[in-house]
Amino acid sequence: MAKINYKTNLKGDLLGGLTAAIIAIPVGLAFGEASGLGPKYGLYTAAILAIVASFVGGTKTLISDPTGPMTVVAATVVTAALADFGPGLDGLGLSGPAWLYVVITFALTGLFQIIFGFLNIAQYIKYIPFPVVSGFMGGIGVIIILLQLYPLMGYDSPKGAINIMSGIMEPIRGLKYESLLLGGITVATIYLFPFITKKVPAILMALIVGTASYLILNYFADFSAVQTISSFKSEVPTPKLDVFEHFDWGIMASCAGLAVTLAALGTIDTLLTSVVADSLTKTKHKGNRELIGQGLGNFIAALFGGFPGAGSTTGTVINIKSGGRTNISGITKGVILLIVILTMGPYVMYIPKAVLAGILLTIGIGIVDVKGLRLLPKVPRVDAFILLLTLVITVFDTLLDAVAVGALIATVSFMKKMADVMDDMNQDGELKDFSKDPRIPKAMGDRVFVKVLDGPMFFGFADQFREQMRAIDKYEALIIDMKRVPFMDETGLIVLEEAIHELHIKGVDLYITGANDAIYTQLVKVKIPGNLVDEDHFFPFFKHCLKHIRYSFEEKAAEDKAAGISEASDKIEE
């Protein structure tokens, strides 16, 4: 991999960082509002996380921001804090213990991500099946869309899909057309402005057009019913260390579950974005280092009241297409946002919530994997079921449960397919069907059974193997060819040992060929060699085993013949 020249790429990095910052302003404000903490804290997250993660992380062009999945769970944390500890006197309605709950949960999220990095978790993310990822992202998109329905009609949204859907008639009956109009203008701008030019981000233009529309229309008509963002003070972000005056171990223990959920989601979101960055820049990210950088960024952002974010696909792609090639672009983006935080406070209060809802509505639609949904009639039914189930659980339960259930079903389905494939690929039959060597006695070909295993001996295939082995009881000898068995798990080992033990009791001579060193070591641990199978009945190759058995049969035949001659001679003498 070529070494990056920071001086050569400086112009592209500065432009990429600027463009990413422009995109992050409306996104940060919108996700901050959606989180329940407020727009200011969305920008805090976008700035602090970007700087720290870019400086430490392992994906040079990654842009970190508040994201849909993280914001949805962050809002759950804020709601739980309010429910458990009650409102306070600040603008957010969070009391001291409630703020402590929020800060600790989000800080633990960062710590868990750092631990994930040191545990080398990044290597396992690639094993999450596509239907699970597609269903999970689709569910996130649906949640974000549902959460914007109330604000678009001029009301604060309840939490939870069920509450939104069950009470949707109330805002419909009291629809505030002014809010719906502003939301519609915002959505239309996002979708139509790219036809005019793509040099200016449509999402930023939508924020400007939507807010300007509100100010103009409010001048000529009464738009007082439209909700706007609460006051936004232009001030230097300060750590919320005072919340630790309310520290309680019980609060910390109750935070762990949601923190793990956020850490897991952030890990998935970030590493998937890192893969996108790799494909665009032809580079290779360092996944575990990226998790450490994201974790440290989320931890520090939490101390300033921010909520956890992750790698943003939109911001990353825009950064790369604008010329960003090093971590200078992400740091630049964060610094620009800090400047914005210090200067734009007086203007934010005029932004209508319906405009932010319109922005988030389009983000939610973009998150839904429309391509995956279109392919549902064409993909295997199991994959379609996994996708839809993951989506439904994401919307109506929790995100981590959705991933866990989806992955579990996908794993079981895969094991079933693997077992069926092994069943088809495994070969067995009498020796005469496997070898046409004319030197093999006919009796030997009829009385020796051969079983050729093809694939890993694992728990998914154990039951089928057990039943197959129990059907072998009328032969004098059995050859188990394991040259195509790469490994064997504990279940496979136990089942093999049980099957060999049963055949040993029935008096069947057992031979094993082709077992690799690792498998032979496993067999030794359960005392198969020298106990259930003679030591000299293990062979590296099938042909060596055949030669040994042929000599045994020939010796036995000679002995039987000699014994027959002797008996005949004795009778003659008598």
Foldseek 3Di string as FASTA:
>chain_A
DDDDDCVVLVVLLLLLLVQLLLVQQLVLQLLCVLLLNGSLQQLLLQQLLLQQLLVFFFQFLFRWGADLQQSLLSSVLLVVLCVPPNFDDDPSRGDLLSLVLSLLLLLLLLVVLLVCLVVVVLVCLVVQDPLLLQLLLLLSLVLLQLQLLQLLQLHHGDRAPVVSVVPVVVSVVVGDVLSVVLLVQLLCQQVPVVVVPDPHHSNSVSQVVSLVVLVVVVVVDPPVSFAAGPFAAQDQQDFPPVSCVPDDVVSSVVSVVSSVVSNVVQLSVASVLSVVLCVLVVDDTSSSSSSNSQSVSSNVSSRSVHGRIHGDNVSSVSSVVSSNDGSSSSNSNSVVSNVCSNPVRVPRRSGTSSSSSSSSNVSSVVSNPVVVVVCLVPDDVLSSVLNNQLSVCVRHPNSVVSSVVSSVSVVLVVLLVVLVVQVVPKDKDFQVVVDVPPLADPVNSVQEIEIEGAEEQEPSNLVVVLVVLVVPQRHQEYEYECLRHPYYDPSSLVSVVVSLVVNLVSNHAYAYEQDDPRVVVSNVVVPCDPPSHDVVRYYDDPVVNSVVVRVVVVVVVVVVVVVVVVVVVVVVVD
